Amino acid sequence: MRDLRAEHLPLLRAMLNVGRDVIERVYGVTGEEMRVFVHYPPQFYHFHVHYQALSAQEVGCQTERAHLLEDIIDNIERDGDFYAKANITVKVGESEDLVKLYRACMNAPRAE
């Protein structure tokens, strides 16, 4: 997500619109009945989009982890480098590798 820039807007819009169209055609869930989001940081370190029916249990779309694709598009439309500069709050679980790396860095001896 940090790498997204204005040049990616056509791709992001296509992911939003084509994904919704296919899901509506195959599953009958309309665009108004689904949330489309990405995780930051992602579970797998590549950009991917989740499409979830609003009627589904809200698994994986917590505020500190999920960012709506429509909001991402809007932010980049307002500022093409938005995600290069933005503070992004994240929720990280105790057992995740990122926490382990952070703790290892914090406990490492400091050069003086």
Protein backbone atom coordinates (compact mmCIF):
# COMPACT_ATOMS: atom_id res chain seq x y z
CA MET A 1 0.00 0.00 0.00
CA ARG A 2 2.89 2.36 0.73
CA ASP A 3 4.00 2.07 -2.89
CA LEU A 4 0.66 3.15 -4.38
CA ARG A 5 0.79 6.35 -6.44
CA ALA A 6 -1.44 8.24 -8.88
CA GLU A 7 -0.15 6.06 -11.73
CA HIS A 8 -1.88 3.07 -10.08
CA LEU A 9 -5.36 4.65 -10.08
CA PRO A 10 -6.56 2.94 -13.30
CA LEU A 11 -5.55 -0.46 -11.91
CA LEU A 12 -7.13 0.23 -8.51
CA ARG A 13 -10.39 1.39 -10.11
CA ALA A 14 -10.43 -1.70 -12.31
CA MET A 15 -9.85 -3.97 -9.29
CA LEU A 16 -12.75 -2.28 -7.50
CA ASN A 17 -15.21 -2.22 -10.40
CA VAL A 18 -14.39 -5.43 -12.25
CA GLY A 19 -14.14 -7.39 -9.00
CA ARG A 20 -17.54 -6.14 -7.89
CA ASP A 21 -19.07 -6.87 -11.30
CA VAL A 22 -17.76 -10.44 -11.34
CA ILE A 23 -18.93 -11.11 -7.78
CA GLU A 24 -22.36 -9.73 -8.56
CA ARG A 25 -22.62 -11.86 -11.71
CA VAL A 26 -21.38 -15.06 -10.04
CA TYR A 27 -22.75 -14.72 -6.49
CA GLY A 28 -25.54 -12.16 -6.79
CA VAL A 29 -23.99 -9.83 -4.21
CA THR A 30 -24.22 -6.22 -5.42
CA GLY A 31 -21.52 -3.60 -4.99
CA GLU A 32 -23.64 -1.89 -2.35
CA GLU A 33 -23.74 -5.15 -0.39
CA MET A 34 -19.99 -5.67 -0.11
CA ARG A 35 -16.90 -4.14 1.41
CA VAL A 36 -13.72 -4.12 -0.64
CA PHE A 37 -10.54 -3.70 1.36
CA VAL A 38 -6.83 -4.35 1.63
CA HIS A 39 -4.75 -5.17 4.68
CA TYR A 40 -1.83 -3.08 5.82
CA PRO A 41 0.46 -4.64 6.54
CA PRO A 42 -0.74 -7.58 4.45
CA GLN A 43 -0.67 -11.14 5.76
CA PHE A 44 1.31 -12.08 2.66
CA TYR A 45 3.72 -9.38 1.63
CA HIS A 46 2.14 -8.49 -1.67
CA PHE A 47 -0.78 -6.22 -2.45
CA HIS A 48 -4.10 -8.03 -2.74
CA VAL A 49 -7.77 -7.08 -2.40
CA HIS A 50 -10.51 -8.71 -0.32
CA TYR A 51 -14.18 -8.65 -1.35
CA GLN A 52 -16.57 -9.43 1.49
CA ALA A 53 -20.37 -9.40 1.69
CA LEU A 54 -21.62 -6.98 4.32
CA SER A 55 -23.78 -9.80 5.64
CA ALA A 56 -20.66 -11.86 6.42
CA GLN A 57 -19.12 -11.90 9.86
CA GLU A 58 -16.61 -9.04 9.95
CA VAL A 59 -13.50 -11.19 10.03
CA GLY A 60 -10.31 -9.52 8.83
CA CYS A 61 -11.70 -6.05 8.28
CA GLN A 62 -10.87 -4.44 11.62
CA THR A 63 -10.10 -0.73 11.50
CA GLU A 64 -6.41 -1.01 12.40
CA ARG A 65 -5.74 -3.60 9.70
CA ALA A 66 -8.15 -3.06 6.81
CA HIS A 67 -8.40 -0.08 4.50
CA LEU A 68 -11.34 0.29 2.14
CA LEU A 69 -10.26 0.35 -1.50
CA GLU A 70 -12.63 3.26 -2.20
CA ASP A 71 -10.88 5.29 0.53
CA ILE A 72 -7.46 4.40 -0.88
CA ILE A 73 -8.54 5.56 -4.34
CA ASP A 74 -9.98 8.77 -2.90
CA ASN A 75 -6.80 9.52 -0.93
CA ILE A 76 -4.61 9.03 -3.99
CA GLU A 77 -6.93 11.17 -6.13
CA ARG A 78 -6.48 14.00 -3.60
CA ASP A 79 -2.70 13.53 -3.37
CA GLY A 80 -0.88 11.21 -5.78
CA ASP A 81 1.79 10.48 -3.16
CA PHE A 82 -0.57 10.19 -0.20
CA TYR A 83 0.67 6.79 1.03
CA ALA A 84 4.33 7.77 0.75
CA LYS A 85 3.70 10.43 3.40
CA ALA A 86 0.76 9.18 5.47
CA ASN A 87 0.90 7.87 9.01
CA ILE A 88 -0.81 4.48 8.95
CA THR A 89 -1.89 2.97 12.25
CA VAL A 90 -1.66 -0.81 12.34
CA LYS A 91 -2.66 -3.56 14.72
CA VAL A 92 -0.07 -6.30 15.08
CA GLY A 93 -0.58 -9.49 17.06
CA GLU A 94 1.85 -10.57 19.76
CA SER A 95 2.86 -13.71 17.86
CA GLU A 96 3.52 -12.03 14.52
CA ASP A 97 7.03 -11.92 13.07
CA LEU A 98 6.92 -8.13 12.87
CA VAL A 99 6.55 -7.89 16.66
CA LYS A 100 9.41 -10.34 17.15
CA LEU A 101 11.66 -8.28 14.87
CA TYR A 102 10.69 -5.07 16.64
CA ARG A 103 11.45 -6.54 20.05
CA ALA A 104 14.78 -7.89 18.83
CA CYS A 105 15.72 -4.42 17.58
CA MET A 106 14.64 -2.78 20.82
CA ASN A 107 16.72 -5.25 22.87
CA ALA A 108 19.80 -5.04 20.68
CA PRO A 109 22.81 -3.25 22.18
CA ARG A 110 23.03 0.34 21.02
CA ALA A 111 26.17 1.84 19.52
CA GLU A 112 27.47 4.78 21.50
